[in-house]
PDB file of N, CA and C in Angstrom:
ATOM      1  N   MET A   1       0.849  -1.183   0.000  1.00  0.00           N
ATOM      2  CA  MET A   1       0.000   0.000   0.000  1.00  0.00           C
ATOM      3  C   MET A   1       0.888   1.237   0.000  1.00  0.00           C
ATOM      4  N   ALA A   2       0.694   2.128  -0.916  1.00  0.00           N
ATOM      5  CA  ALA A   2       1.519   3.332  -1.021  1.00  0.00           C
ATOM      6  C   ALA A   2       0.829   4.505  -0.359  1.00  0.00           C
ATOM      7  N   GLY A   3       1.621   5.316   0.318  1.00  0.00           N
ATOM      8  CA  GLY A   3       1.100   6.531   0.920  1.00  0.00           C
ATOM      9  C   GLY A   3       1.537   7.727   0.112  1.00  0.00           C
ATOM     10  N   ALA A   4       1.236   8.912   0.587  1.00  0.00           N
ATOM     11  CA  ALA A   4       1.571  10.132  -0.140  1.00  0.00           C
ATOM     12  C   ALA A   4       3.079  10.320  -0.270  1.00  0.00           C
ATOM     13  N   ASN A   5       3.837   9.830   0.709  1.00  0.00           N
ATOM     14  CA  ASN A   5       5.275  10.072   0.717  1.00  0.00           C
ATOM     15  C   ASN A   5       6.121   8.847   0.411  1.00  0.00           C
ATOM     16  N   GLY A   6       5.519   7.711   0.133  1.00  0.00           N
ATOM     17  CA  GLY A   6       6.314   6.517  -0.137  1.00  0.00           C
ATOM     18  C   GLY A   6       5.498   5.256   0.041  1.00  0.00           C
ATOM     19  N   THR A   7       6.195   4.130  -0.019  1.00  0.00           N
ATOM     20  CA  THR A   7       5.545   2.841   0.158  1.00  0.00           C
ATOM     21  C   THR A   7       5.849   2.302   1.548  1.00  0.00           C
ATOM     22  N   ALA A   8       5.287   1.172   1.858  1.00  0.00           N
ATOM     23  CA  ALA A   8       5.381   0.614   3.202  1.00  0.00           C
ATOM     24  C   ALA A   8       6.816   0.420   3.689  1.00  0.00           C
ATOM     25  N   GLY A   9       7.759   0.082   2.819  1.00  0.00           N
ATOM     26  CA  GLY A   9       9.137  -0.150   3.250  1.00  0.00           C
ATOM     27  C   GLY A   9      10.027   1.075   3.179  1.00  0.00           C
ATOM     28  N   ASP A  10       9.486   2.200   2.726  1.00  0.00           N
ATOM     29  CA  ASP A  10      10.303   3.404   2.569  1.00  0.00           C
ATOM     30  C   ASP A  10      10.481   4.161   3.879  1.00  0.00           C
ATOM     31  N   VAL A  11      11.640   4.777   3.992  1.00  0.00           N
ATOM     32  CA  VAL A  11      11.940   5.613   5.152  1.00  0.00           C
ATOM     33  C   VAL A  11      12.512   6.944   4.673  1.00  0.00           C
ATOM     34  N   VAL A  12      12.381   7.948   5.516  1.00  0.00           N
ATOM     35  CA  VAL A  12      12.957   9.267   5.269  1.00  0.00           C
ATOM     36  C   VAL A  12      14.148   9.415   6.204  1.00  0.00           C
ATOM     37  N   VAL A  13      15.286   9.775   5.648  1.00  0.00           N
ATOM     38  CA  VAL A  13      16.520   9.917   6.420  1.00  0.00           C
ATOM     39  C   VAL A  13      16.876  11.397   6.493  1.00  0.00           C
ATOM     40  N   ARG A  14      17.215  11.862   7.681  1.00  0.00           N
ATOM     41  CA  ARG A  14      17.630  13.245   7.850  1.00  0.00           C
ATOM     42  C   ARG A  14      18.911  13.283   8.670  1.00  0.00           C
ATOM     43  N   VAL A  15      19.777  14.227   8.330  1.00  0.00           N
ATOM     44  CA  VAL A  15      21.000  14.455   9.087  1.00  0.00           C
ATOM     45  C   VAL A  15      20.994  15.893   9.569  1.00  0.00           C
ATOM     46  N   ASP A  16      21.144  16.080  10.871  1.00  0.00           N
ATOM     47  CA  ASP A  16      21.297  17.413  11.447  1.00  0.00           C
ATOM     48  C   ASP A  16      22.773  17.776  11.302  1.00  0.00           C
ATOM     49  N   ARG A  17      23.096  18.475  10.222  1.00  0.00           N
ATOM     50  CA  ARG A  17      24.498  18.770   9.909  1.00  0.00           C
ATOM     51  C   ARG A  17      25.128  19.717  10.937  1.00  0.00           C
ATOM     52  N   ALA A  18      24.339  20.497  11.634  1.00  0.00           N
ATOM     53  CA  ALA A  18      24.883  21.367  12.683  1.00  0.00           C
ATOM     54  C   ALA A  18      25.324  20.535  13.885  1.00  0.00           C
ATOM     55  N   ARG A  19      24.667  19.416  14.096  1.00  0.00           N
ATOM     56  CA  ARG A  19      24.977  18.545  15.222  1.00  0.00           C
ATOM     57  C   ARG A  19      26.092  17.550  14.886  1.00  0.00           C
ATOM     58  N   CYS A  20      26.208  17.163  13.612  1.00  0.00           N
ATOM     59  CA  CYS A  20      27.165  16.157  13.163  1.00  0.00           C
ATOM     60  C   CYS A  20      28.600  16.575  13.497  1.00  0.00           C
ATOM     61  N   VAL A  21      29.377  15.612  13.986  1.00  0.00           N
ATOM     62  CA  VAL A  21      30.787  15.863  14.302  1.00  0.00           C
ATOM     63  C   VAL A  21      31.721  15.136  13.340  1.00  0.00           C
ATOM     64  N   GLY A  22      31.162  14.463  12.342  1.00  0.00           N
ATOM     65  CA  GLY A  22      31.961  13.874  11.278  1.00  0.00           C
ATOM     66  C   GLY A  22      32.811  12.678  11.644  1.00  0.00           C
ATOM     67  N   THR A  23      32.302  11.792  12.486  1.00  0.00           N
ATOM     68  CA  THR A  23      33.091  10.603  12.842  1.00  0.00           C
ATOM     69  C   THR A  23      33.229   9.648  11.666  1.00  0.00           C
ATOM     70  N   GLY A  24      32.269   9.658  10.754  1.00  0.00           N
ATOM     71  CA  GLY A  24      32.306   8.770   9.600  1.00  0.00           C
ATOM     72  C   GLY A  24      31.740   7.389   9.851  1.00  0.00           C
ATOM     73  N   LEU A  25      31.315   7.105  11.078  1.00  0.00           N
ATOM     74  CA  LEU A  25      30.750   5.791  11.386  1.00  0.00           C
ATOM     75  C   LEU A  25      29.519   5.502  10.534  1.00  0.00           C
ATOM     76  N   CYS A  26      28.702   6.507  10.317  1.00  0.00           N
ATOM     77  CA  CYS A  26      27.471   6.314   9.550  1.00  0.00           C
ATOM     78  C   CYS A  26      27.773   5.975   8.097  1.00  0.00           C
ATOM     79  N   ALA A  27      28.682   6.715   7.490  1.00  0.00           N
ATOM     80  CA  ALA A  27      29.026   6.481   6.085  1.00  0.00           C
ATOM     81  C   ALA A  27      29.674   5.116   5.897  1.00  0.00           C
ATOM     82  N   ALA A  28      30.434   4.669   6.877  1.00  0.00           N
ATOM     83  CA  ALA A  28      31.062   3.348   6.802  1.00  0.00           C
ATOM     84  C   ALA A  28      30.027   2.240   6.996  1.00  0.00           C
ATOM     85  N   THR A  29      29.003   2.500   7.785  1.00  0.00           N
ATOM     86  CA  THR A  29      27.984   1.503   8.093  1.00  0.00           C
ATOM     87  C   THR A  29      26.906   1.413   7.013  1.00  0.00           C
ATOM     88  N   ALA A  30      26.496   2.561   6.470  1.00  0.00           N
ATOM     89  CA  ALA A  30      25.429   2.595   5.460  1.00  0.00           C
ATOM     90  C   ALA A  30      25.863   3.446   4.264  1.00  0.00           C
ATOM     91  N   PRO A  31      26.879   2.988   3.532  1.00  0.00           N
ATOM     92  CA  PRO A  31      27.434   3.805   2.446  1.00  0.00           C
ATOM     93  C   PRO A  31      26.484   4.053   1.278  1.00  0.00           C
ATOM     94  N   ASP A  32      25.464   3.227   1.115  1.00  0.00           N
ATOM     95  CA  ASP A  32      24.500   3.459   0.037  1.00  0.00           C
ATOM     96  C   ASP A  32      23.592   4.651   0.331  1.00  0.00           C
ATOM     97  N   ASP A  33      23.434   4.976   1.613  1.00  0.00           N
ATOM     98  CA  ASP A  33      22.497   6.024   2.003  1.00  0.00           C
ATOM     99  C   ASP A  33      23.143   7.253   2.627  1.00  0.00           C
ATOM    100  N   LEU A  34      24.346   7.106   3.169  1.00  0.00           N
ATOM    101  CA  LEU A  34      25.005   8.216   3.856  1.00  0.00           C
ATOM    102  C   LEU A  34      26.447   8.356   3.387  1.00  0.00           C
ATOM    103  N   ALA A  35      26.921   9.588   3.335  1.00  0.00           N
ATOM    104  CA  ALA A  35      28.297   9.867   2.924  1.00  0.00           C
ATOM    105  C   ALA A  35      28.785  11.079   3.700  1.00  0.00           C
ATOM    106  N   LEU A  36      30.089  11.270   3.720  1.00  0.00           N
ATOM    107  CA  LEU A  36      30.643  12.482   4.305  1.00  0.00           C
ATOM    108  C   LEU A  36      30.786  13.510   3.198  1.00  0.00           C
ATOM    109  N   GLY A  37      30.338  14.725   3.460  1.00  0.00           N
ATOM    110  CA  GLY A  37      30.440  15.805   2.494  1.00  0.00           C
ATOM    111  C   GLY A  37      31.829  16.407   2.494  1.00  0.00           C
ATOM    112  N   GLU A  38      32.039  17.391   1.647  1.00  0.00           N
ATOM    113  CA  GLU A  38      33.339  18.054   1.548  1.00  0.00           C
ATOM    114  C   GLU A  38      33.745  18.719   2.860  1.00  0.00           C
ATOM    115  N   ASP A  39      32.750  19.089   3.676  1.00  0.00           N
ATOM    116  CA  ASP A  39      33.031  19.718   4.965  1.00  0.00           C
ATOM    117  C   ASP A  39      33.294  18.694   6.069  1.00  0.00           C
ATOM    118  N   GLY A  40      33.274  17.399   5.718  1.00  0.00           N
ATOM    119  CA  GLY A  40      33.551  16.356   6.701  1.00  0.00           C
ATOM    120  C   GLY A  40      32.348  15.931   7.515  1.00  0.00           C
ATOM    121  N   ARG A  41      31.186  16.490   7.212  1.00  0.00           N
ATOM    122  CA  ARG A  41      29.964  16.125   7.938  1.00  0.00           C
ATOM    123  C   ARG A  41      29.098  15.210   7.095  1.00  0.00           C
ATOM    124  N   ALA A  42      28.296  14.415   7.781  1.00  0.00           N
ATOM    125  CA  ALA A  42      27.436  13.455   7.085  1.00  0.00           C
ATOM    126  C   ALA A  42      26.400  14.169   6.233  1.00  0.00           C
ATOM    127  N   ARG A  43      26.077  13.514   5.126  1.00  0.00           N
ATOM    128  CA  ARG A  43      24.995  13.983   4.268  1.00  0.00           C
ATOM    129  C   ARG A  43      24.228  12.770   3.763  1.00  0.00           C
ATOM    130  N   VAL A  44      22.976  12.994   3.421  1.00  0.00           N
ATOM    131  CA  VAL A  44      22.099  11.943   2.933  1.00  0.00           C
ATOM    132  C   VAL A  44      22.274  11.824   1.428  1.00  0.00           C
ATOM    133  N   ARG A  45      22.452  10.608   0.949  1.00  0.00           N
ATOM    134  CA  ARG A  45      22.534  10.377  -0.500  1.00  0.00           C
ATOM    135  C   ARG A  45      21.150  10.387  -1.128  1.00  0.00           C
ATOM    136  N   ARG A  46      20.166   9.824  -0.421  1.00  0.00           N
ATOM    137  CA  ARG A  46      18.771   9.777  -0.880  1.00  0.00           C
ATOM    138  C   ARG A  46      17.885  10.071   0.324  1.00  0.00           C
ATOM    139  N   GLN A  47      17.034  11.070   0.215  1.00  0.00           N
ATOM    140  CA  GLN A  47      16.178  11.400   1.355  1.00  0.00           C
ATOM    141  C   GLN A  47      15.136  10.327   1.636  1.00  0.00           C
ATOM    142  N   VAL A  48      14.632   9.688   0.584  1.00  0.00           N
ATOM    143  CA  VAL A  48      13.690   8.579   0.769  1.00  0.00           C
ATOM    144  C   VAL A  48      14.368   7.333   0.222  1.00  0.00           C
ATOM    145  N   THR A  49      14.418   6.301   1.058  1.00  0.00           N
ATOM    146  CA  THR A  49      15.092   5.062   0.685  1.00  0.00           C
ATOM    147  C   THR A  49      14.355   3.895   1.322  1.00  0.00           C
ATOM    148  N   VAL A  50      14.822   2.713   1.078  1.00  0.00           N
ATOM    149  CA  VAL A  50      14.221   1.514   1.655  1.00  0.00           C
ATOM    150  C   VAL A  50      14.874   1.250   3.010  1.00  0.00           C
ATOM    151  N   SER A  51      14.052   0.953   3.992  1.00  0.00           N
ATOM    152  CA  SER A  51      14.564   0.667   5.329  1.00  0.00           C
ATOM    153  C   SER A  51      15.494  -0.540   5.297  1.00  0.00           C
ATOM    154  N   GLY A  52      16.572  -0.454   6.053  1.00  0.00           N
ATOM    155  CA  GLY A  52      17.498  -1.569   6.125  1.00  0.00           C
ATOM    156  C   GLY A  52      18.253  -1.561   7.437  1.00  0.00           C
ATOM    157  N   GLU A  53      18.801  -2.707   7.777  1.00  0.00           N
ATOM    158  CA  GLU A  53      19.518  -2.868   9.035  1.00  0.00           C
ATOM    159  C   GLU A  53      20.710  -1.926   9.132  1.00  0.00           C
ATOM    160  N   GLU A  54      21.430  -1.736   8.022  1.00  0.00           N
ATOM    161  CA  GLU A  54      22.619  -0.878   8.039  1.00  0.00           C
ATOM    162  C   GLU A  54      22.248   0.571   8.355  1.00  0.00           C
ATOM    163  N   LEU A  55      21.170   1.040   7.767  1.00  0.00           N
ATOM    164  CA  LEU A  55      20.736   2.418   7.981  1.00  0.00           C
ATOM    165  C   LEU A  55      20.286   2.636   9.427  1.00  0.00           C
ATOM    166  N   THR A  56      19.529   1.694   9.947  1.00  0.00           N
ATOM    167  CA  THR A  56      19.096   1.785  11.346  1.00  0.00           C
ATOM    168  C   THR A  56      20.297   1.762  12.278  1.00  0.00           C
ATOM    169  N   GLU A  57      21.243   0.878  11.992  1.00  0.00           N
ATOM    170  CA  GLU A  57      22.449   0.788  12.813  1.00  0.00           C
ATOM    171  C   GLU A  57      23.251   2.089  12.763  1.00  0.00           C
ATOM    172  N   ALA A  58      23.356   2.688  11.578  1.00  0.00           N
ATOM    173  CA  ALA A  58      24.089   3.949  11.436  1.00  0.00           C
ATOM    174  C   ALA A  58      23.473   5.038  12.304  1.00  0.00           C
ATOM    175  N   ALA A  59      22.154   5.121  12.310  1.00  0.00           N
ATOM    176  CA  ALA A  59      21.478   6.128  13.138  1.00  0.00           C
ATOM    177  C   ALA A  59      21.667   5.838  14.615  1.00  0.00           C
ATOM    178  N   GLU A  60      21.608   4.562  14.989  1.00  0.00           N
ATOM    179  CA  GLU A  60      21.764   4.181  16.397  1.00  0.00           C
ATOM    180  C   GLU A  60      23.175   4.443  16.917  1.00  0.00           C
ATOM    181  N   MET A  61      24.186   4.282  16.062  1.00  0.00           N
ATOM    182  CA  MET A  61      25.562   4.412  16.539  1.00  0.00           C
ATOM    183  C   MET A  61      26.112   5.838  16.473  1.00  0.00           C
ATOM    184  N   CYS A  62      25.369   6.763  15.884  1.00  0.00           N
ATOM    185  CA  CYS A  62      25.838   8.147  15.819  1.00  0.00           C
ATOM    186  C   CYS A  62      26.009   8.685  17.241  1.00  0.00           C
ATOM    187  N   PRO A  63      27.217   9.122  17.606  1.00  0.00           N
ATOM    188  CA  PRO A  63      27.457   9.535  18.984  1.00  0.00           C
ATOM    189  C   PRO A  63      26.722  10.809  19.398  1.00  0.00           C
ATOM    190  N   VAL A  64      26.258  11.590  18.436  1.00  0.00           N
ATOM    191  CA  VAL A  64      25.554  12.833  18.775  1.00  0.00           C
ATOM    192  C   VAL A  64      24.102  12.812  18.289  1.00  0.00           C
ATOM    193  N   GLU A  65      23.605  11.642  17.872  1.00  0.00           N
ATOM    194  CA  GLU A  65      22.231  11.463  17.396  1.00  0.00           C
ATOM    195  C   GLU A  65      21.849  12.488  16.333  1.00  0.00           C
ATOM    196  N   ALA A  66      22.743  12.670  15.355  1.00  0.00           N
ATOM    197  CA  ALA A  66      22.498  13.623  14.274  1.00  0.00           C
ATOM    198  C   ALA A  66      21.655  13.022  13.148  1.00  0.00           C
ATOM    199  N   ILE A  67      21.466  11.700  13.147  1.00  0.00           N
ATOM    200  CA  ILE A  67      20.738  11.020  12.075  1.00  0.00           C
ATOM    201  C   ILE A  67      19.409  10.510  12.610  1.00  0.00           C
ATOM    202  N   THR A  68      18.340  10.773  11.856  1.00  0.00           N
ATOM    203  CA  THR A  68      17.045  10.199  12.202  1.00  0.00           C
ATOM    204  C   THR A  68      16.491   9.464  10.994  1.00  0.00           C
ATOM    205  N   VAL A  69      15.832   8.359  11.277  1.00  0.00           N
ATOM    206  CA  VAL A  69      15.178   7.554  10.264  1.00  0.00           C
ATOM    207  C   VAL A  69      13.715   7.457  10.674  1.00  0.00           C
ATOM    208  N   ARG A  70      12.824   7.853   9.749  1.00  0.00           N
ATOM    209  CA  ARG A  70      11.386   7.843  10.026  1.00  0.00           C
ATOM    210  C   ARG A  70      10.643   7.134   8.904  1.00  0.00           C
ATOM    211  N   SER A  71       9.508   6.577   9.229  1.00  0.00           N
ATOM    212  CA  SER A  71       8.653   5.950   8.227  1.00  0.00           C
ATOM    213  C   SER A  71       8.188   7.011   7.239  1.00  0.00           C
ATOM    214  N   ALA A  72       8.288   6.717   5.945  1.00  0.00           N
ATOM    215  CA  ALA A  72       7.815   7.655   4.921  1.00  0.00           C
ATOM    216  C   ALA A  72       6.291   7.712   4.890  1.00  0.00           C
ATOM    217  N   LEU A  73       5.643   6.688   5.414  1.00  0.00           N
ATOM    218  CA  LEU A  73       4.178   6.662   5.401  1.00  0.00           C
ATOM    219  C   LEU A  73       3.549   7.500   6.495  1.00  0.00           C
ATOM    220  N   ASP A  74       4.041   7.339   7.716  1.00  0.00           N
ATOM    221  CA  ASP A  74       3.367   8.003   8.840  1.00  0.00           C
ATOM    222  C   ASP A  74       4.285   8.864   9.711  1.00  0.00           C
ATOM    223  N   GLY A  75       5.561   8.961   9.358  1.00  0.00           N
ATOM    224  CA  GLY A  75       6.471   9.798  10.126  1.00  0.00           C
ATOM    225  C   GLY A  75       6.966   9.198  11.432  1.00  0.00           C
ATOM    226  N   ARG A  76       6.570   7.961  11.697  1.00  0.00           N
ATOM    227  CA  ARG A  76       6.975   7.291  12.946  1.00  0.00           C
ATOM    228  C   ARG A  76       8.494   7.170  12.981  1.00  0.00           C
ATOM    229  N   ARG A  77       9.068   7.522  14.112  1.00  0.00           N
ATOM    230  CA  ARG A  77      10.522   7.439  14.286  1.00  0.00           C
ATOM    231  C   ARG A  77      10.948   5.986  14.424  1.00  0.00           C
ATOM    232  N   ILE A  78      11.878   5.581  13.570  1.00  0.00           N
ATOM    233  CA  ILE A  78      12.390   4.217  13.580  1.00  0.00           C
ATOM    234  C   ILE A  78      13.738   4.161  14.299  1.00  0.00           C
ATOM    235  N   ALA A  79      14.591   5.132  14.042  1.00  0.00           N
ATOM    236  CA  ALA A  79      15.899   5.178  14.681  1.00  0.00           C
ATOM    237  C   ALA A  79      16.373   6.621  14.757  1.00  0.00           C
ATOM    238  N   PRO A  80      17.126   6.976  15.780  1.00  0.00           N
ATOM    239  CA  PRO A  80      17.446   6.118  16.908  1.00  0.00           C
ATOM    240  C   PRO A  80      16.234   5.911  17.798  1.00  0.00           C
ATOM    241  N   ALA A  81      16.249   4.816  18.532  1.00  0.00           N
ATOM    242  CA  ALA A  81      15.151   4.505  19.438  1.00  0.00           C
ATOM    243  C   ALA A  81      15.044   5.568  20.503  1.00  0.00           C
ATOM    244  N   LEU A  82      13.820   5.849  20.897  1.00  0.00           N
ATOM    245  CA  LEU A  82      13.587   6.859  21.948  1.00  0.00           C
ATOM    246  C   LEU A  82      13.907   6.321  23.317  1.00  0.00           C
TER     247      LEU A  82
END
């Protein structure tokens, strides 16, 4: 079932670049979805992508919680866990 912002398996990824300290853990963990920009801070490769273990892990391991993963259908926060 598709919603206005995606399908059931889609997620929206956001990086708070002001909060990011550029450890690179996220880009190493989920390189298909996250990368380090020229300024050394994380950036999203695709704002809407398919949920996956690597992406969730990248958000969970961010030491400053700069990455959030939410359901594209209803906005429910998937990672990091509250």
